[in-house]
N, C-alpha and C. Protein backbone atom coordinates (compact mmCIF):
# COMPACT_ATOMS: atom_id res chain seq x y z
N MET A 1 0.82 -1.18 0.00
CA MET A 1 0.00 0.00 0.00
C MET A 1 0.87 1.24 0.00
N ALA A 2 1.94 1.22 0.74
CA ALA A 2 2.80 2.40 0.80
C ALA A 2 3.31 2.75 -0.59
N ARG A 3 3.68 1.74 -1.35
CA ARG A 3 4.23 2.00 -2.68
C ARG A 3 3.22 2.69 -3.57
N GLN A 4 2.00 2.20 -3.61
CA GLN A 4 1.05 2.80 -4.53
C GLN A 4 0.59 4.17 -4.06
N ARG A 5 0.57 4.44 -2.78
CA ARG A 5 0.15 5.75 -2.29
C ARG A 5 1.24 6.80 -2.52
N LEU A 6 2.47 6.38 -2.63
CA LEU A 6 3.54 7.34 -2.86
C LEU A 6 3.41 8.04 -4.20
N GLY A 7 2.74 7.43 -5.14
CA GLY A 7 2.53 8.03 -6.45
C GLY A 7 1.34 8.98 -6.50
N LEU A 8 0.62 9.10 -5.39
CA LEU A 8 -0.56 9.96 -5.33
C LEU A 8 -0.16 11.42 -5.54
N GLN A 9 -0.86 12.07 -6.46
CA GLN A 9 -0.62 13.50 -6.72
C GLN A 9 -1.81 14.30 -6.20
N HIS A 10 -1.59 15.58 -5.97
CA HIS A 10 -2.66 16.43 -5.44
C HIS A 10 -3.87 16.43 -6.37
N ARG A 11 -3.66 16.33 -7.68
CA ARG A 11 -4.79 16.32 -8.62
C ARG A 11 -5.65 15.08 -8.47
N ASP A 12 -5.13 14.05 -7.80
CA ASP A 12 -5.87 12.81 -7.61
C ASP A 12 -6.88 12.90 -6.46
N TRP A 13 -6.72 13.91 -5.61
CA TRP A 13 -7.59 14.06 -4.45
C TRP A 13 -8.77 14.94 -4.83
N HIS A 14 -9.96 14.44 -4.63
CA HIS A 14 -11.18 15.20 -4.95
C HIS A 14 -11.95 15.42 -3.66
N THR A 15 -11.80 16.63 -3.14
CA THR A 15 -12.41 16.97 -1.87
C THR A 15 -13.92 16.93 -1.99
N GLY A 16 -14.60 16.67 -0.87
CA GLY A 16 -16.04 16.46 -0.88
C GLY A 16 -16.89 17.60 -1.40
N CYS A 17 -16.74 18.79 -0.84
CA CYS A 17 -17.56 19.94 -1.24
C CYS A 17 -19.04 19.55 -1.29
N GLY A 18 -19.52 18.85 -0.27
CA GLY A 18 -20.90 18.43 -0.20
C GLY A 18 -21.16 17.04 -0.75
N ASP A 19 -20.20 16.45 -1.41
CA ASP A 19 -20.33 15.10 -1.93
C ASP A 19 -19.27 14.24 -1.22
N THR A 20 -19.28 12.95 -1.45
CA THR A 20 -18.30 12.07 -0.81
C THR A 20 -16.93 12.29 -1.45
N PRO A 21 -15.93 12.64 -0.63
CA PRO A 21 -14.58 12.83 -1.19
C PRO A 21 -13.99 11.50 -1.66
N TYR A 22 -13.13 11.58 -2.65
CA TYR A 22 -12.48 10.37 -3.14
C TYR A 22 -11.10 10.69 -3.67
N VAL A 23 -10.32 9.62 -3.81
CA VAL A 23 -8.97 9.68 -4.36
C VAL A 23 -8.98 8.82 -5.60
N GLU A 24 -8.40 9.34 -6.68
CA GLU A 24 -8.24 8.55 -7.89
C GLU A 24 -6.90 7.82 -7.80
N VAL A 25 -6.93 6.53 -8.01
CA VAL A 25 -5.70 5.75 -8.07
C VAL A 25 -5.38 5.61 -9.55
N VAL A 26 -4.26 6.19 -9.96
CA VAL A 26 -3.89 6.25 -11.36
C VAL A 26 -2.49 5.65 -11.54
N ALA A 27 -2.37 4.75 -12.49
CA ALA A 27 -1.04 4.19 -12.80
C ALA A 27 -0.28 5.23 -13.61
N ARG A 28 0.86 5.65 -13.09
CA ARG A 28 1.70 6.63 -13.80
C ARG A 28 3.14 6.44 -13.37
N ASP A 29 4.05 7.04 -14.14
CA ASP A 29 5.47 6.97 -13.80
C ASP A 29 5.73 7.77 -12.53
N HIS A 30 6.68 7.29 -11.75
CA HIS A 30 7.08 7.93 -10.49
C HIS A 30 8.60 7.88 -10.43
N PRO A 31 9.21 8.93 -9.90
CA PRO A 31 10.67 8.96 -9.88
C PRO A 31 11.32 7.78 -9.16
N HIS A 32 10.62 7.15 -8.24
CA HIS A 32 11.19 6.02 -7.49
C HIS A 32 10.58 4.69 -7.94
N GLU A 33 9.99 4.70 -9.13
CA GLU A 33 9.44 3.49 -9.76
C GLU A 33 8.40 2.78 -8.91
N VAL A 34 7.56 3.55 -8.22
CA VAL A 34 6.44 2.96 -7.49
C VAL A 34 5.21 3.09 -8.38
N ARG A 35 4.37 2.06 -8.35
CA ARG A 35 3.18 2.05 -9.20
C ARG A 35 1.98 1.51 -8.43
N ALA A 36 0.81 1.90 -8.87
CA ALA A 36 -0.42 1.37 -8.30
C ALA A 36 -0.53 -0.12 -8.64
N LYS A 37 -1.20 -0.89 -7.78
CA LYS A 37 -1.33 -2.33 -7.97
C LYS A 37 -2.12 -2.69 -9.22
N SER A 38 -3.10 -1.90 -9.55
CA SER A 38 -3.91 -2.21 -10.73
C SER A 38 -4.23 -0.90 -11.44
N GLY A 39 -5.09 -0.98 -12.40
CA GLY A 39 -5.45 0.20 -13.18
C GLY A 39 -6.22 1.23 -12.37
N TYR A 40 -6.82 2.12 -13.09
CA TYR A 40 -7.56 3.23 -12.50
C TYR A 40 -8.71 2.73 -11.62
N ARG A 41 -8.91 3.44 -10.50
CA ARG A 41 -10.09 3.22 -9.67
C ARG A 41 -10.26 4.42 -8.75
N ARG A 42 -11.45 4.57 -8.22
CA ARG A 42 -11.74 5.59 -7.21
C ARG A 42 -11.81 4.93 -5.85
N VAL A 43 -11.19 5.56 -4.87
CA VAL A 43 -11.28 5.09 -3.50
C VAL A 43 -11.93 6.20 -2.70
N TYR A 44 -13.15 5.96 -2.26
CA TYR A 44 -13.88 6.97 -1.48
C TYR A 44 -13.30 7.00 -0.08
N VAL A 45 -13.20 8.21 0.48
CA VAL A 45 -12.60 8.41 1.79
C VAL A 45 -13.58 9.15 2.69
N SER A 46 -13.30 9.13 3.97
CA SER A 46 -14.19 9.78 4.93
C SER A 46 -13.99 11.30 4.92
N ASP A 47 -14.99 11.99 5.43
CA ASP A 47 -14.88 13.45 5.57
C ASP A 47 -13.73 13.81 6.50
N GLU A 48 -13.49 12.98 7.50
CA GLU A 48 -12.38 13.24 8.44
C GLU A 48 -11.04 13.17 7.72
N LEU A 49 -10.85 12.15 6.89
CA LEU A 49 -9.60 12.05 6.14
C LEU A 49 -9.47 13.22 5.17
N ASP A 50 -10.57 13.62 4.56
CA ASP A 50 -10.57 14.76 3.65
C ASP A 50 -10.14 16.03 4.40
N ARG A 51 -10.65 16.19 5.63
CA ARG A 51 -10.27 17.34 6.45
C ARG A 51 -8.79 17.31 6.79
N LEU A 52 -8.27 16.14 7.14
CA LEU A 52 -6.85 16.01 7.45
C LEU A 52 -5.99 16.31 6.24
N TYR A 53 -6.43 15.88 5.06
CA TYR A 53 -5.71 16.20 3.84
C TYR A 53 -5.68 17.72 3.64
N GLY A 54 -6.80 18.39 3.85
CA GLY A 54 -6.85 19.84 3.73
C GLY A 54 -5.87 20.53 4.67
N GLU A 55 -5.78 20.05 5.90
CA GLU A 55 -4.82 20.60 6.86
C GLU A 55 -3.39 20.36 6.40
N TYR A 56 -3.14 19.21 5.82
CA TYR A 56 -1.81 18.87 5.32
C TYR A 56 -1.43 19.81 4.17
N VAL A 57 -2.35 20.04 3.24
CA VAL A 57 -2.08 20.95 2.12
C VAL A 57 -1.79 22.35 2.66
N TRP A 58 -2.55 22.77 3.66
CA TRP A 58 -2.31 24.08 4.28
C TRP A 58 -0.88 24.14 4.83
N ARG A 59 -0.46 23.08 5.51
CA ARG A 59 0.91 23.03 6.06
C ARG A 59 1.96 23.08 4.94
N LEU A 60 1.71 22.33 3.86
CA LEU A 60 2.63 22.35 2.73
C LEU A 60 2.79 23.77 2.19
N CYS A 61 1.68 24.47 2.07
CA CYS A 61 1.74 25.85 1.55
C CYS A 61 2.44 26.79 2.54
N GLU A 62 2.24 26.56 3.82
CA GLU A 62 2.92 27.39 4.84
C GLU A 62 4.44 27.28 4.73
N VAL A 63 4.93 26.10 4.34
CA VAL A 63 6.38 25.91 4.25
C VAL A 63 6.91 26.12 2.83
N GLY A 64 6.02 26.53 1.92
CA GLY A 64 6.46 26.93 0.59
C GLY A 64 6.42 25.89 -0.49
N ALA A 65 5.78 24.75 -0.26
CA ALA A 65 5.76 23.70 -1.27
C ALA A 65 5.05 24.16 -2.54
N ASP A 66 4.03 25.00 -2.38
CA ASP A 66 3.29 25.47 -3.56
C ASP A 66 4.13 26.42 -4.41
N LEU A 67 5.10 27.08 -3.79
CA LEU A 67 5.95 28.02 -4.52
C LEU A 67 7.17 27.34 -5.15
N ALA A 68 7.43 26.10 -4.73
CA ALA A 68 8.61 25.37 -5.21
C ALA A 68 8.35 24.69 -6.55
N THR A 69 7.15 24.82 -7.08
CA THR A 69 6.79 24.15 -8.33
C THR A 69 5.85 25.02 -9.15
N ASP A 70 5.85 24.81 -10.44
CA ASP A 70 4.91 25.51 -11.31
C ASP A 70 3.57 24.79 -11.38
N ASP A 71 3.54 23.52 -10.97
CA ASP A 71 2.33 22.71 -11.08
C ASP A 71 2.12 21.94 -9.77
N PHE A 72 1.60 22.63 -8.76
CA PHE A 72 1.40 22.01 -7.45
C PHE A 72 0.47 20.80 -7.57
N ASP A 73 -0.59 20.89 -8.39
CA ASP A 73 -1.51 19.77 -8.55
C ASP A 73 -0.83 18.52 -9.08
N GLY A 74 0.24 18.68 -9.85
CA GLY A 74 0.96 17.56 -10.43
C GLY A 74 2.08 17.03 -9.56
N THR A 75 2.24 17.58 -8.36
CA THR A 75 3.30 17.10 -7.47
C THR A 75 2.75 15.99 -6.58
N CYS A 76 3.65 15.17 -6.08
CA CYS A 76 3.27 14.08 -5.18
C CYS A 76 2.76 14.64 -3.86
N VAL A 77 1.80 13.96 -3.28
CA VAL A 77 1.25 14.36 -1.99
C VAL A 77 2.28 14.13 -0.89
N PHE A 78 2.95 13.00 -0.93
CA PHE A 78 3.91 12.65 0.13
C PHE A 78 5.31 13.05 -0.30
N VAL A 79 5.81 14.10 0.36
CA VAL A 79 7.11 14.68 0.00
C VAL A 79 7.95 14.91 1.25
N ASN A 80 9.26 15.10 1.02
CA ASN A 80 10.17 15.42 2.12
C ASN A 80 9.86 16.83 2.63
N LEU A 81 9.66 16.95 3.91
CA LEU A 81 9.45 18.26 4.51
C LEU A 81 10.61 18.65 5.42
N ASP A 82 11.25 17.64 6.01
CA ASP A 82 12.25 17.92 7.03
C ASP A 82 13.69 17.64 6.60
N ARG A 83 13.87 17.10 5.39
CA ARG A 83 15.23 16.83 4.94
C ARG A 83 15.34 17.08 3.44
N GLU A 84 16.56 17.16 2.99
CA GLU A 84 16.82 17.44 1.57
C GLU A 84 16.71 16.18 0.74
N PRO A 85 16.35 16.27 -0.47
CA PRO A 85 15.87 17.48 -1.13
C PRO A 85 14.42 17.78 -0.72
N ARG A 86 14.19 19.00 -0.25
CA ARG A 86 12.85 19.39 0.21
C ARG A 86 11.84 19.29 -0.92
N PHE A 87 10.68 18.81 -0.59
CA PHE A 87 9.52 18.65 -1.47
C PHE A 87 9.72 17.59 -2.55
N ALA A 88 10.78 16.79 -2.43
CA ALA A 88 10.98 15.67 -3.36
C ALA A 88 10.05 14.53 -2.93
N PRO A 89 9.57 13.72 -3.87
CA PRO A 89 8.69 12.60 -3.52
C PRO A 89 9.36 11.63 -2.56
N TRP A 90 8.56 11.12 -1.63
CA TRP A 90 9.07 10.12 -0.70
C TRP A 90 9.45 8.85 -1.43
N ARG A 91 10.42 8.18 -0.84
CA ARG A 91 10.81 6.84 -1.29
C ARG A 91 10.12 5.81 -0.39
N PRO A 92 9.92 4.60 -0.87
CA PRO A 92 9.31 3.58 -0.02
C PRO A 92 10.06 3.40 1.31
N GLU A 93 11.39 3.50 1.25
CA GLU A 93 12.18 3.33 2.48
C GLU A 93 11.81 4.39 3.53
N SER A 94 11.44 5.57 3.07
CA SER A 94 11.06 6.65 4.00
C SER A 94 9.83 6.26 4.81
N VAL A 95 8.88 5.61 4.16
CA VAL A 95 7.67 5.17 4.84
C VAL A 95 8.03 4.14 5.91
N TYR A 96 8.86 3.18 5.54
CA TYR A 96 9.22 2.14 6.50
C TYR A 96 10.08 2.70 7.63
N ASP A 97 10.94 3.67 7.34
CA ASP A 97 11.71 4.34 8.41
C ASP A 97 10.77 5.03 9.39
N LEU A 98 9.76 5.72 8.87
CA LEU A 98 8.79 6.40 9.73
C LEU A 98 8.03 5.40 10.58
N VAL A 99 7.58 4.33 9.98
CA VAL A 99 6.83 3.31 10.73
C VAL A 99 7.72 2.67 11.80
N ASP A 100 8.98 2.40 11.47
CA ASP A 100 9.91 1.85 12.47
C ASP A 100 10.07 2.80 13.65
N ARG A 101 10.22 4.10 13.34
CA ARG A 101 10.37 5.10 14.41
C ARG A 101 9.10 5.16 15.27
N LEU A 102 7.94 5.17 14.63
CA LEU A 102 6.68 5.20 15.37
C LEU A 102 6.49 3.93 16.21
N ARG A 103 6.89 2.79 15.66
CA ARG A 103 6.78 1.54 16.41
C ARG A 103 7.61 1.60 17.69
N ARG A 104 8.82 2.20 17.58
CA ARG A 104 9.66 2.34 18.78
C ARG A 104 9.02 3.32 19.77
N GLU A 105 8.54 4.45 19.27
CA GLU A 105 7.94 5.46 20.15
C GLU A 105 6.66 4.97 20.80
N LEU A 106 5.92 4.11 20.11
CA LEU A 106 4.65 3.61 20.61
C LEU A 106 4.76 2.19 21.14
N SER A 107 5.97 1.81 21.55
CA SER A 107 6.23 0.46 22.03
C SER A 107 5.16 0.04 23.04
N GLY A 108 4.59 -1.13 22.78
CA GLY A 108 3.56 -1.66 23.66
C GLY A 108 2.16 -1.17 23.31
N GLN A 109 2.05 -0.14 22.48
CA GLN A 109 0.75 0.39 22.09
C GLN A 109 0.32 -0.08 20.70
N VAL A 110 1.28 -0.52 19.91
CA VAL A 110 0.98 -1.06 18.58
C VAL A 110 1.64 -2.43 18.48
N PRO A 111 1.08 -3.32 17.68
CA PRO A 111 1.70 -4.65 17.53
C PRO A 111 3.12 -4.55 16.98
N GLN A 112 3.97 -5.45 17.40
CA GLN A 112 5.36 -5.47 16.94
C GLN A 112 5.44 -5.63 15.42
N ALA A 113 4.48 -6.32 14.84
CA ALA A 113 4.47 -6.55 13.40
C ALA A 113 3.81 -5.39 12.63
N TRP A 114 3.48 -4.33 13.32
CA TRP A 114 2.81 -3.19 12.70
C TRP A 114 3.62 -2.66 11.52
N SER A 115 2.97 -2.50 10.38
CA SER A 115 3.64 -2.03 9.17
C SER A 115 2.60 -1.34 8.29
N PRO A 116 3.04 -0.64 7.24
CA PRO A 116 2.05 -0.05 6.33
C PRO A 116 1.11 -1.10 5.74
N HIS A 117 1.64 -2.29 5.45
CA HIS A 117 0.79 -3.33 4.87
C HIS A 117 -0.18 -3.88 5.92
N TRP A 118 0.23 -3.88 7.17
CA TRP A 118 -0.64 -4.32 8.26
C TRP A 118 -1.88 -3.45 8.30
N MET A 119 -1.71 -2.15 8.07
CA MET A 119 -2.85 -1.23 8.07
C MET A 119 -3.82 -1.59 6.93
N ARG A 120 -3.28 -1.95 5.79
CA ARG A 120 -4.10 -2.35 4.65
C ARG A 120 -4.92 -3.59 5.01
N HIS A 121 -4.26 -4.57 5.63
CA HIS A 121 -4.97 -5.79 6.02
C HIS A 121 -6.03 -5.51 7.08
N SER A 122 -5.72 -4.64 8.03
CA SER A 122 -6.69 -4.30 9.06
C SER A 122 -7.92 -3.63 8.45
N HIS A 123 -7.68 -2.74 7.51
CA HIS A 123 -8.78 -2.04 6.84
C HIS A 123 -9.67 -3.04 6.10
N ALA A 124 -9.06 -3.92 5.33
CA ALA A 124 -9.83 -4.91 4.57
C ALA A 124 -10.60 -5.83 5.51
N THR A 125 -9.97 -6.26 6.58
CA THR A 125 -10.62 -7.14 7.55
C THR A 125 -11.82 -6.45 8.18
N ALA A 126 -11.65 -5.19 8.58
CA ALA A 126 -12.75 -4.43 9.19
C ALA A 126 -13.91 -4.28 8.22
N LEU A 127 -13.61 -4.01 6.96
CA LEU A 127 -14.68 -3.88 5.96
C LEU A 127 -15.44 -5.20 5.83
N LEU A 128 -14.72 -6.30 5.71
CA LEU A 128 -15.37 -7.60 5.54
C LEU A 128 -16.19 -7.97 6.78
N LEU A 129 -15.65 -7.72 7.96
CA LEU A 129 -16.38 -8.05 9.19
C LEU A 129 -17.64 -7.20 9.37
N SER A 130 -17.63 -6.01 8.78
CA SER A 130 -18.81 -5.15 8.89
C SER A 130 -19.85 -5.46 7.82
N GLY A 131 -19.55 -6.46 6.99
CA GLY A 131 -20.54 -6.91 6.02
C GLY A 131 -20.41 -6.31 4.63
N VAL A 132 -19.33 -5.59 4.35
CA VAL A 132 -19.12 -5.05 3.01
C VAL A 132 -18.88 -6.24 2.08
N PRO A 133 -19.58 -6.30 0.95
CA PRO A 133 -19.40 -7.43 0.04
C PRO A 133 -17.95 -7.55 -0.43
N VAL A 134 -17.51 -8.79 -0.58
CA VAL A 134 -16.11 -9.06 -0.92
C VAL A 134 -15.71 -8.42 -2.24
N HIS A 135 -16.61 -8.34 -3.21
CA HIS A 135 -16.24 -7.74 -4.49
C HIS A 135 -15.97 -6.24 -4.33
N VAL A 136 -16.64 -5.59 -3.39
CA VAL A 136 -16.40 -4.16 -3.13
C VAL A 136 -15.04 -3.98 -2.46
N VAL A 137 -14.74 -4.82 -1.48
CA VAL A 137 -13.44 -4.77 -0.80
C VAL A 137 -12.33 -5.05 -1.81
N SER A 138 -12.53 -6.02 -2.67
CA SER A 138 -11.54 -6.37 -3.68
C SER A 138 -11.23 -5.18 -4.57
N ARG A 139 -12.25 -4.49 -4.99
CA ARG A 139 -12.04 -3.33 -5.86
C ARG A 139 -11.32 -2.21 -5.11
N ARG A 140 -11.70 -1.99 -3.85
CA ARG A 140 -11.06 -0.94 -3.05
C ARG A 140 -9.58 -1.22 -2.88
N LEU A 141 -9.24 -2.49 -2.71
CA LEU A 141 -7.84 -2.88 -2.53
C LEU A 141 -7.05 -2.86 -3.84
N GLY A 142 -7.76 -2.84 -4.96
CA GLY A 142 -7.10 -2.83 -6.25
C GLY A 142 -6.72 -4.22 -6.74
N HIS A 143 -7.38 -5.24 -6.18
CA HIS A 143 -7.13 -6.59 -6.66
C HIS A 143 -7.80 -6.76 -8.02
N VAL A 144 -7.07 -7.27 -8.98
CA VAL A 144 -7.59 -7.47 -10.32
C VAL A 144 -8.66 -8.55 -10.31
N ASP A 145 -8.48 -9.54 -9.46
CA ASP A 145 -9.40 -10.68 -9.39
C ASP A 145 -9.92 -10.80 -7.96
N VAL A 146 -11.23 -10.93 -7.80
CA VAL A 146 -11.83 -11.07 -6.48
C VAL A 146 -11.30 -12.31 -5.76
N GLN A 147 -10.84 -13.30 -6.51
CA GLN A 147 -10.29 -14.52 -5.90
C GLN A 147 -9.07 -14.20 -5.04
N THR A 148 -8.29 -13.18 -5.42
CA THR A 148 -7.13 -12.77 -4.62
C THR A 148 -7.60 -12.33 -3.24
N THR A 149 -8.67 -11.56 -3.21
CA THR A 149 -9.22 -11.09 -1.93
C THR A 149 -9.75 -12.27 -1.13
N LEU A 150 -10.48 -13.16 -1.79
CA LEU A 150 -11.02 -14.33 -1.10
C LEU A 150 -9.90 -15.19 -0.52
N ASN A 151 -8.82 -15.39 -1.27
CA ASN A 151 -7.70 -16.20 -0.79
C ASN A 151 -6.98 -15.53 0.37
N THR A 152 -6.78 -14.22 0.27
CA THR A 152 -6.02 -13.50 1.29
C THR A 152 -6.81 -13.37 2.59
N TYR A 153 -8.12 -13.17 2.47
CA TYR A 153 -8.94 -12.90 3.64
C TYR A 153 -9.93 -14.02 3.93
N ALA A 154 -9.58 -15.25 3.54
CA ALA A 154 -10.46 -16.40 3.76
C ALA A 154 -10.78 -16.55 5.24
N HIS A 155 -9.81 -16.29 6.11
CA HIS A 155 -10.04 -16.45 7.55
C HIS A 155 -11.16 -15.54 8.04
N VAL A 156 -11.30 -14.37 7.42
CA VAL A 156 -12.34 -13.43 7.84
C VAL A 156 -13.71 -13.98 7.46
N SER A 157 -13.84 -14.45 6.22
CA SER A 157 -15.13 -14.98 5.78
C SER A 157 -15.45 -16.28 6.52
N GLU A 158 -14.42 -17.09 6.82
CA GLU A 158 -14.66 -18.31 7.60
C GLU A 158 -15.19 -17.96 8.98
N ASP A 159 -14.62 -16.94 9.64
CA ASP A 159 -15.10 -16.51 10.94
C ASP A 159 -16.55 -16.05 10.85
N ALA A 160 -16.87 -15.28 9.82
CA ALA A 160 -18.24 -14.78 9.64
C ALA A 160 -19.20 -15.95 9.42
N GLU A 161 -18.76 -16.94 8.63
CA GLU A 161 -19.61 -18.12 8.39
C GLU A 161 -19.84 -18.88 9.69
N MET A 162 -18.81 -19.02 10.50
CA MET A 162 -18.96 -19.74 11.77
C MET A 162 -19.88 -18.98 12.72
N ARG A 163 -19.80 -17.65 12.72
CA ARG A 163 -20.72 -16.86 13.54
C ARG A 163 -22.16 -17.06 13.07
N ALA A 164 -22.36 -17.11 11.75
CA ALA A 164 -23.70 -17.31 11.21
C ALA A 164 -24.25 -18.66 11.65
N VAL A 165 -23.42 -19.70 11.66
CA VAL A 165 -23.84 -21.01 12.11
C VAL A 165 -24.18 -20.96 13.60
N ALA A 166 -23.38 -20.25 14.37
CA ALA A 166 -23.64 -20.15 15.80
C ALA A 166 -24.96 -19.45 16.06
N ASP A 167 -25.33 -18.50 15.22
CA ASP A 167 -26.58 -17.76 15.38
C ASP A 167 -27.75 -18.42 14.65
N TRP A 168 -27.52 -19.59 14.08
CA TRP A 168 -28.55 -20.26 13.29
C TRP A 168 -29.83 -20.48 14.09
N LYS A 169 -29.68 -20.86 15.35
CA LYS A 169 -30.86 -21.11 16.18
C LYS A 169 -31.68 -19.83 16.33
N ALA A 170 -31.00 -18.70 16.55
CA ALA A 170 -31.71 -17.42 16.67
C ALA A 170 -32.38 -17.04 15.36
N VAL A 171 -31.70 -17.31 14.25
CA VAL A 171 -32.26 -16.98 12.93
C VAL A 171 -33.51 -17.79 12.66
N THR A 172 -33.47 -19.08 12.99
CA THR A 172 -34.60 -19.96 12.66
C THR A 172 -35.69 -19.97 13.73
N ALA A 173 -35.46 -19.36 14.87
CA ALA A 173 -36.43 -19.40 15.96
C ALA A 173 -37.79 -18.83 15.54
N GLY A 174 -37.79 -17.81 14.73
CA GLY A 174 -39.05 -17.21 14.31
C GLY A 174 -39.71 -17.90 13.14
N TRP A 175 -39.05 -18.83 12.54
CA TRP A 175 -39.60 -19.48 11.35
C TRP A 175 -40.89 -20.25 11.66
N ARG A 176 -40.91 -21.01 12.75
CA ARG A 176 -42.07 -21.84 13.07
C ARG A 176 -43.28 -20.96 13.32
N VAL A 177 -43.10 -19.88 14.06
CA VAL A 177 -44.20 -18.95 14.33
C VAL A 177 -44.69 -18.36 13.02
N GLY A 178 -43.78 -17.96 12.18
CA GLY A 178 -44.14 -17.38 10.88
C GLY A 178 -44.84 -18.40 9.99
N ALA A 179 -44.41 -19.65 10.05
CA ALA A 179 -45.00 -20.69 9.20
C ALA A 179 -46.45 -20.92 9.59
N HIS A 180 -46.77 -20.96 10.90
CA HIS A 180 -48.14 -21.16 11.34
C HIS A 180 -49.02 -19.99 10.91
N ARG A 181 -48.49 -18.79 11.03
CA ARG A 181 -49.25 -17.60 10.65
C ARG A 181 -49.55 -17.65 9.15
N ASP A 182 -48.55 -18.03 8.34
CA ASP A 182 -48.75 -18.11 6.89
C ASP A 182 -49.80 -19.17 6.55
N GLU A 183 -49.79 -20.31 7.28
CA GLU A 183 -50.77 -21.36 7.03
C GLU A 183 -52.18 -20.87 7.33
N ARG A 184 -52.35 -20.08 8.44
CA ARG A 184 -53.65 -19.54 8.80
C ARG A 184 -54.15 -18.57 7.73
N ILE A 185 -53.24 -17.77 7.20
CA ILE A 185 -53.62 -16.80 6.18
C ILE A 185 -54.08 -17.53 4.94
N GLU A 186 -53.34 -18.60 4.53
CA GLU A 186 -53.69 -19.35 3.33
C GLU A 186 -55.02 -20.07 3.49
N SER A 187 -55.32 -20.56 4.72
CA SER A 187 -56.55 -21.29 4.92
C SER A 187 -57.73 -20.36 5.20
N GLY A 188 -57.47 -19.08 5.33
CA GLY A 188 -58.53 -18.11 5.54
C GLY A 188 -58.89 -17.93 7.00
N SER A 189 -58.12 -18.49 7.95
CA SER A 189 -58.40 -18.37 9.37
C SER A 189 -58.04 -17.03 9.91
């Protein structure tokens, strides 16, 4: 996930303005040879994330990122702010360095295996557990084939299936009452 997000440009972010904000995932050349996993797609984001992006753009402008280029919309969203070369696109190693630093600072508060990809898996798992159809999750993740999502997250769907079986008695409890009522209606009682 880190690799494909590093290619995100400001023109790819479509702020809500009363509608649901989204990010366009576009396959394009990047100076550090990072590419999106699949072709074009829209990834809808929350209003909160849209607000945070707005604050980030404000910070970029405060430090002069908008003046460092003739085409701010065509620049990468994730750039160096604290080291040279300033405003250059991040490298994948930069993301992992940041995550390593945060893991040390948050020792005991985040899992030891915490990584950018871990966040992607957590997001997909949460979507599936909340009942989002697998084909929707697959598209959001950029999987070309829904089978990739099914194979990767089989444990999530297996857990959901087992919960459904555990709740089977509750699901079927009303059936007998409903069946008698339907029989009375059909017989005219």
